[in-house]
Protein backbone atom coordinates (compact mmCIF):
# COMPACT_ATOMS: atom_id res chain seq x y z
CA MET A 1 207.21 194.92 78.22
CA PRO A 2 209.28 192.96 74.93
CA ARG A 3 212.54 191.69 75.42
CA VAL A 4 215.46 190.82 73.44
CA VAL A 5 216.78 187.53 73.70
CA VAL A 6 220.08 186.71 72.16
CA ASP A 7 220.82 182.76 72.18
CA VAL A 8 225.06 181.85 72.05
CA MET A 9 226.10 178.50 70.97
CA LEU A 10 229.46 177.40 69.89
CA LYS A 11 229.67 176.85 66.22
CA PRO A 12 228.87 173.23 64.93
CA GLU A 13 232.56 172.43 64.01
CA ILE A 14 233.67 173.57 67.67
CA LEU A 15 234.20 170.80 70.13
CA ASP A 16 231.70 171.17 72.97
CA PRO A 17 233.01 169.29 76.43
CA GLN A 18 230.21 170.42 78.53
CA GLY A 19 227.82 169.05 75.74
CA GLN A 20 229.62 165.91 75.89
CA ALA A 21 229.86 165.31 79.69
CA VAL A 22 226.09 165.68 79.30
CA ALA A 23 225.50 163.40 76.86
CA ASN A 24 227.64 161.01 78.33
CA ALA A 25 225.85 161.12 81.91
CA LEU A 26 222.34 160.73 80.27
CA PRO A 27 222.38 156.90 79.92
CA ARG A 28 223.32 156.85 83.66
CA LEU A 29 220.01 158.49 84.13
CA GLY A 30 218.07 155.81 82.25
CA VAL A 31 217.82 158.09 78.91
CA SER A 32 219.07 156.47 76.18
CA ASP A 33 217.58 157.95 73.00
CA VAL A 34 219.60 161.21 72.66
CA ALA A 35 222.21 161.70 69.92
CA SER A 36 224.29 164.88 71.27
CA VAL A 37 224.07 167.68 73.49
CA ARG A 38 225.17 171.37 72.69
CA ILE A 39 225.29 174.04 75.60
CA GLY A 40 225.11 177.53 75.08
CA ARG A 41 223.82 180.63 76.67
CA ARG A 42 220.77 182.83 76.82
CA ILE A 43 220.86 186.54 77.42
CA GLU A 44 218.17 188.70 77.72
CA ILE A 45 218.25 192.47 77.13
CA GLU A 46 215.66 194.90 78.36
CA PHE A 47 215.80 198.35 76.79
CA GLN A 48 214.40 201.50 77.94
CA GLY A 49 211.16 202.22 75.65
CA GLU A 50 211.21 200.12 72.48
CA PRO A 51 213.62 197.25 72.02
CA ASP A 52 216.11 197.81 69.59
CA LEU A 53 217.15 194.61 67.66
CA ASP A 54 219.98 196.49 65.58
CA ARG A 55 221.91 197.40 68.95
CA ALA A 56 221.19 194.00 70.34
CA ARG A 57 223.11 192.43 67.20
CA GLU A 58 225.93 194.92 67.76
CA ILE A 59 225.86 194.14 71.50
CA ALA A 60 226.12 190.68 70.41
CA ASP A 61 228.79 190.96 67.91
CA LYS A 62 231.00 192.91 70.09
CA LEU A 63 230.51 191.76 73.66
CA LEU A 64 228.26 188.62 74.35
CA ALA A 65 229.68 186.25 71.47
CA ASN A 66 233.11 185.25 70.24
CA PRO A 67 232.54 185.30 66.34
CA VAL A 68 235.43 183.15 66.01
CA ILE A 69 233.88 180.21 67.91
CA GLU A 70 230.45 180.96 68.58
CA ASP A 71 227.24 181.92 66.49
CA PHE A 72 224.13 183.99 68.02
CA THR A 73 220.59 184.57 67.15
CA VAL A 74 218.54 187.74 68.33
CA ARG A 75 214.98 187.64 68.83
CA LEU A 76 212.07 189.57 70.40
CA VAL A 77 209.89 187.93 72.83
CA GLU A 78 207.16 188.91 75.01
CA ALA A 79 207.80 188.98 78.73
CA ASP A 80 205.58 185.77 79.47
CA GLU A 81 207.87 183.91 77.25
CA THR A 82 210.90 184.98 79.28
CA ALA A 83 209.05 183.80 82.17
CA ASP A 84 207.88 180.39 80.66
CA ALA A 85 211.77 179.78 79.57
CA ARG A 86 212.46 179.98 83.53
CA SER A 87 210.13 177.13 84.71
């Protein structure tokens, strides 16, 4: 069954201390070719019946994201894509 995925990220102009901490730790792991890291959230919504992208956008705008500091995208994915994302 298709699911709706909402990806929430800090706006580019907002400082991301978690992302900076990860980026600063990478050289200690031998990774030196990463320029920057941004941390976000992925939310999967499963509707009863057909997925409703408009309803998902409304949910994201009113509940899942803070529009002052975050942007979000809403997309439809197949069930096997959500399983791949967890691997």
